[in-house]
Amino acid sequence: MTGLRVRHRKTLALDSVDLALGTGVHGLLGPNGAGKTSLIRVLATVAQPSGGRVEIVGQDSTDQRGRAEIRRRLGYLPQEFGYYPGFTVREFVAYVAWLKELPGARVPAAVERAVARVGLADRIDAKIKTLSGGMVRRVGIAQAIVNDPSVLLLDEPTAGLDPEQRVEFRELLRELGASATVVVSTHLVEDVAAACTEVTLLDRGRIAYRGTPEALTALGAASHGPGDHPIERGYTAALRAHRAPRGTEAAR
């Protein structure tokens, strides 16, 4: 994407963002209101940019035919995803596979594989309304990966997952990132440290930092700011540096 701008009424949510994302797991960090969800929604083609150009899987997202091709090759889990409570897990994930235009003969196996990958094989025929919040979140992840997407967008995917499930989810992310572009928007810096190959930090609609988790950790190791872990201190230091007036030193 180049020069991406997103405006919500009088608020500029994203301001001239240039970003290229390749294969791997990309962590998207930033405080509330930084523009993370706005960026994810544009990448998911559910929101149109106010300016700039966005190309996904070689297609222009503002072109109708391009959007159709993008959506076939996309997986998306929004922060609040809609589902049909009366559907079973199998029925719902199969429905999403149908929406993605997966060939009918491939759907049953694709559904079972996606559900197994999120640890819900034993609940595949349970109605979604009977599941816990964490299980429903895992159904959301299953529907996002059922078509083996080229681009996978996850907005706060670990919300409601317990620590063991989060560890398993990180392993799944690393597996998916070997062959796809995975973008994970999260407030949990430790998830980024454990699973991501690259980090983009947004602040006030602009990119405040871009680099590897190791580089962000190293930045934190040299900082005495708040945070229990070096990558958390690196996050704080990067924000301070971005907000510092030009010509002044970043947070000491």
Protein backbone atom coordinates (compact mmCIF):
# COMPACT_ATOMS: atom_id res chain seq x y z
CA MET A 1 0.00 0.00 0.00
CA THR A 2 1.16 3.54 -0.71
CA GLY A 3 -0.13 6.80 0.72
CA LEU A 4 -3.04 5.07 2.49
CA ARG A 5 -5.42 7.49 4.14
CA VAL A 6 -8.58 6.61 6.05
CA ARG A 7 -10.91 9.26 7.39
CA HIS A 8 -13.81 8.73 9.78
CA ARG A 9 -15.88 11.90 9.52
CA LYS A 10 -13.49 14.58 10.83
CA THR A 11 -10.93 12.15 12.21
CA LEU A 12 -7.96 11.02 10.12
CA ALA A 13 -7.50 7.41 11.28
CA LEU A 14 -4.61 6.64 8.92
CA ASP A 15 -2.40 9.31 7.41
CA SER A 16 -0.18 8.56 4.39
CA VAL A 17 0.77 5.00 5.39
CA ASP A 18 3.24 3.18 3.13
CA LEU A 19 3.55 -0.51 3.92
CA ALA A 20 4.59 -3.65 2.05
CA LEU A 21 3.93 -7.03 3.65
CA GLY A 22 5.30 -10.32 2.37
CA THR A 23 5.18 -13.93 3.53
CA GLY A 24 5.48 -14.27 7.30
CA VAL A 25 3.71 -13.25 10.49
CA HIS A 26 3.40 -9.49 10.90
CA GLY A 27 2.49 -8.05 14.28
CA LEU A 28 0.46 -4.85 14.29
CA LEU A 29 0.84 -2.95 17.55
CA GLY A 30 -0.29 0.42 18.84
CA PRO A 31 -2.35 2.14 21.51
CA ASN A 32 -6.13 2.44 21.28
CA GLY A 33 -7.07 4.75 18.43
CA ALA A 34 -3.75 4.27 16.64
CA GLY A 35 -5.46 3.05 13.45
CA LYS A 36 -4.88 -0.72 13.72
CA THR A 37 -8.48 -1.79 13.13
CA SER A 38 -8.89 0.78 10.36
CA LEU A 39 -5.89 -0.73 8.59
CA ILE A 40 -7.14 -4.30 9.05
CA ARG A 41 -10.59 -3.35 7.72
CA VAL A 42 -9.10 -1.78 4.59
CA LEU A 43 -6.94 -4.85 3.99
CA ALA A 44 -10.05 -7.02 4.47
CA THR A 45 -11.88 -4.91 1.82
CA VAL A 46 -14.74 -4.16 4.22
CA ALA A 47 -13.73 -0.48 4.28
CA GLN A 48 -12.54 1.71 1.44
CA PRO A 49 -9.55 4.02 1.78
CA SER A 50 -10.05 7.78 1.58
CA GLY A 51 -6.86 8.06 -0.44
CA GLY A 52 -3.84 6.15 -1.61
CA ARG A 53 -3.52 2.75 -3.27
CA VAL A 54 -3.91 -0.73 -1.78
CA GLU A 55 -2.88 -3.83 -3.72
CA ILE A 56 -3.50 -7.29 -2.26
CA VAL A 57 -2.55 -10.59 -3.97
CA GLY A 58 -1.75 -8.52 -7.05
CA GLN A 59 -5.24 -6.98 -7.17
CA ASP A 60 -6.40 -3.38 -6.74
CA SER A 61 -8.75 -3.39 -3.73
CA THR A 62 -10.81 -0.52 -5.15
CA ASP A 63 -11.65 -2.49 -8.31
CA GLN A 64 -14.81 -4.62 -8.10
CA ARG A 65 -13.30 -7.65 -9.84
CA GLY A 66 -10.11 -7.22 -7.86
CA ARG A 67 -12.04 -7.21 -4.58
CA ALA A 68 -13.84 -10.44 -5.53
CA GLU A 69 -10.50 -12.18 -6.18
CA ILE A 70 -9.01 -10.80 -2.96
CA ARG A 71 -11.94 -12.08 -0.90
CA ARG A 72 -11.60 -15.58 -2.34
CA ARG A 73 -7.97 -15.69 -1.19
CA LEU A 74 -8.44 -13.88 2.10
CA GLY A 75 -9.05 -15.02 5.67
CA TYR A 76 -10.40 -12.48 8.16
CA LEU A 77 -11.26 -12.53 11.84
CA PRO A 78 -12.57 -9.16 13.04
CA GLN A 79 -12.45 -8.12 16.67
CA GLU A 80 -16.18 -8.84 16.91
CA PHE A 81 -17.16 -11.46 14.36
CA GLY A 82 -20.70 -12.40 13.49
CA TYR A 83 -21.92 -15.99 13.55
CA TYR A 84 -25.15 -17.98 13.67
CA PRO A 85 -25.58 -19.39 17.22
CA GLY A 86 -27.87 -22.18 16.03
CA PHE A 87 -25.31 -23.51 13.55
CA THR A 88 -22.95 -26.27 14.54
CA VAL A 89 -19.24 -25.56 14.24
CA ARG A 90 -19.14 -27.75 11.12
CA GLU A 91 -22.10 -25.98 9.52
CA PHE A 92 -20.75 -22.50 10.18
CA VAL A 93 -17.22 -23.14 8.93
CA ALA A 94 -18.66 -24.93 5.87
CA TYR A 95 -20.88 -21.90 5.22
CA VAL A 96 -17.84 -19.62 5.22
CA ALA A 97 -16.03 -22.04 2.88
CA TRP A 98 -19.01 -21.74 0.53
CA LEU A 99 -18.81 -17.94 0.71
CA LYS A 100 -15.13 -18.21 -0.24
CA GLU A 101 -16.22 -20.26 -3.30
CA LEU A 102 -14.29 -23.33 -2.25
CA PRO A 103 -15.15 -26.24 -4.60
CA GLY A 104 -17.87 -28.35 -3.00
CA ALA A 105 -15.88 -31.57 -3.09
CA ARG A 106 -13.11 -29.95 -1.03
CA VAL A 107 -15.32 -28.41 1.64
CA PRO A 108 -15.82 -31.34 4.09
CA ALA A 109 -12.10 -32.08 4.39
CA ALA A 110 -11.20 -28.39 4.52
CA VAL A 111 -13.69 -27.83 7.35
CA GLU A 112 -12.45 -30.77 9.39
CA ARG A 113 -8.83 -29.70 8.95
CA ALA A 114 -9.50 -26.08 9.95
CA VAL A 115 -11.47 -27.11 13.03
CA ALA A 116 -8.81 -29.62 14.07
CA ARG A 117 -6.08 -26.98 13.72
CA VAL A 118 -7.78 -24.83 16.36
CA GLY A 119 -8.33 -27.77 18.72
CA LEU A 120 -12.08 -28.16 18.33
CA ALA A 121 -12.31 -31.50 16.52
CA ASP A 122 -14.25 -32.99 19.45
CA ARG A 123 -16.81 -30.13 19.30
CA ILE A 124 -17.27 -29.97 15.54
CA ASP A 125 -20.93 -31.01 15.73
CA ALA A 126 -21.76 -28.87 18.76
CA LYS A 127 -23.95 -25.81 18.29
CA ILE A 128 -21.96 -22.61 18.58
CA LYS A 129 -24.35 -21.25 21.23
CA THR A 130 -23.23 -24.03 23.59
CA LEU A 131 -19.54 -23.10 23.40
CA SER A 132 -17.50 -20.97 25.78
CA GLY A 133 -16.21 -17.56 24.71
CA GLY A 134 -12.73 -18.93 24.09
CA MET A 135 -14.13 -21.75 21.95
CA VAL A 136 -16.20 -19.30 19.91
CA ARG A 137 -13.03 -17.32 19.28
CA ARG A 138 -11.37 -20.49 18.02
CA VAL A 139 -14.33 -21.06 15.69
CA GLY A 140 -13.59 -17.57 14.37
CA ILE A 141 -10.00 -18.56 13.67
CA ALA A 142 -11.17 -21.78 11.98
CA GLN A 143 -13.48 -19.93 9.61
CA ALA A 144 -10.64 -17.54 8.76
CA ILE A 145 -8.27 -20.34 7.71
CA VAL A 146 -10.71 -22.79 6.08
CA ASN A 147 -9.74 -21.67 2.55
CA ASP A 148 -5.96 -21.81 3.21
CA PRO A 149 -5.78 -18.06 2.58
CA SER A 150 -2.89 -16.29 0.90
CA VAL A 151 -3.53 -13.36 3.24
CA LEU A 152 -4.81 -13.89 6.79
CA LEU A 153 -5.99 -10.92 8.89
CA LEU A 154 -6.60 -11.41 12.60
CA ASP A 155 -7.82 -8.60 14.85
CA GLU A 156 -7.19 -9.42 18.54
CA PRO A 157 -7.34 -13.18 17.87
CA THR A 158 -6.21 -14.31 21.34
CA ALA A 159 -8.99 -12.50 23.21
CA GLY A 160 -10.64 -15.10 25.45
CA LEU A 161 -7.97 -17.76 24.96
CA ASP A 162 -6.31 -19.23 28.03
CA PRO A 163 -2.48 -19.36 28.30
CA GLU A 164 -2.19 -22.91 26.93
CA GLN A 165 -4.44 -22.07 23.97
CA ARG A 166 -2.39 -18.94 23.27
CA VAL A 167 0.80 -21.03 23.09
CA GLU A 168 -0.89 -23.42 20.65
CA PHE A 169 -2.18 -20.47 18.63
CA ARG A 170 1.32 -19.01 18.33
CA GLU A 171 2.52 -22.34 16.94
CA LEU A 172 -0.33 -22.26 14.40
CA LEU A 173 0.63 -18.70 13.40
CA ARG A 174 4.22 -19.73 12.74
CA GLU A 175 2.97 -22.65 10.62
CA LEU A 176 0.62 -20.44 8.61
CA GLY A 177 3.24 -17.73 8.16
CA ALA A 178 5.57 -20.14 6.35
CA SER A 179 3.44 -19.86 3.20
CA ALA A 180 1.05 -16.91 3.71
CA THR A 181 1.00 -13.27 4.70
CA VAL A 182 -0.42 -13.17 8.23
CA VAL A 183 -1.27 -9.87 9.91
CA VAL A 184 -2.07 -9.98 13.64
CA SER A 185 -3.39 -6.89 15.37
CA THR A 186 -2.97 -7.24 19.12
CA HIS A 187 -2.41 -5.47 22.43
CA LEU A 188 -0.40 -8.44 23.73
CA VAL A 189 3.22 -7.60 23.02
CA GLU A 190 4.35 -11.04 24.21
CA ASP A 191 2.36 -12.69 21.39
CA VAL A 192 4.31 -10.59 18.91
CA ALA A 193 7.61 -11.50 20.52
CA ALA A 194 6.76 -15.21 20.38
CA ALA A 195 5.21 -15.58 16.94
CA CYS A 196 5.94 -12.66 14.61
CA THR A 197 8.70 -12.20 12.08
CA GLU A 198 8.11 -8.46 11.77
CA VAL A 199 6.47 -5.70 13.83
CA THR A 200 4.69 -2.55 12.71
CA LEU A 201 3.83 -0.05 15.42
CA LEU A 202 1.11 2.47 14.60
CA ASP A 203 0.62 5.69 16.52
CA ARG A 204 -1.88 8.43 15.71
CA GLY A 205 -2.46 7.06 12.23
CA ARG A 206 1.20 6.85 11.24
CA ILE A 207 3.92 4.22 11.34
CA ALA A 208 5.99 4.83 14.47
CA TYR A 209 8.26 1.81 14.14
CA ARG A 210 8.89 -1.09 11.79
CA GLY A 211 11.36 -3.89 12.36
CA THR A 212 11.85 -7.32 13.85
CA PRO A 213 10.72 -8.33 17.35
CA GLU A 214 14.40 -8.84 18.18
CA ALA A 215 15.21 -5.25 17.22
CA LEU A 216 12.30 -3.94 19.28
CA THR A 217 13.49 -6.08 22.21
CA ALA A 218 17.01 -4.67 21.81
CA LEU A 219 15.56 -1.16 21.87
CA GLY A 220 13.86 -2.03 25.14
CA ALA A 221 17.00 -3.55 26.62
CA ALA A 222 18.67 -0.15 26.23
CA SER A 223 15.69 1.68 27.74
CA HIS A 224 14.74 2.25 31.37
CA GLY A 225 11.09 2.94 30.61
CA PRO A 226 8.07 1.02 32.00
CA GLY A 227 7.48 -2.63 31.16
CA ASP A 228 8.18 -6.07 32.59
CA HIS A 229 9.83 -7.37 29.43
CA PRO A 230 12.41 -5.71 27.12
CA ILE A 231 10.01 -5.82 24.15
CA GLU A 232 7.40 -3.94 26.23
CA ARG A 233 10.02 -1.33 27.08
CA GLY A 234 10.98 -1.22 23.41
CA TYR A 235 7.34 -0.58 22.51
CA THR A 236 7.23 2.35 24.94
CA ALA A 237 10.58 3.71 23.75
CA ALA A 238 9.48 3.57 20.09
CA LEU A 239 6.28 5.46 20.90
CA ARG A 240 8.21 8.12 22.80
CA ALA A 241 10.70 8.51 19.96
CA HIS A 242 7.87 8.91 17.46
CA ARG A 243 6.15 11.54 19.58
CA ALA A 244 9.29 13.47 20.48
CA PRO A 245 9.68 16.87 18.78
CA ARG A 246 12.17 16.78 15.92
CA GLY A 247 15.69 17.50 17.00
CA THR A 248 15.18 16.09 20.49
CA GLU A 249 16.35 12.73 21.77
CA ALA A 250 13.95 9.86 22.28
CA ALA A 251 12.97 8.82 25.78
CA ARG A 252 15.97 8.13 27.97
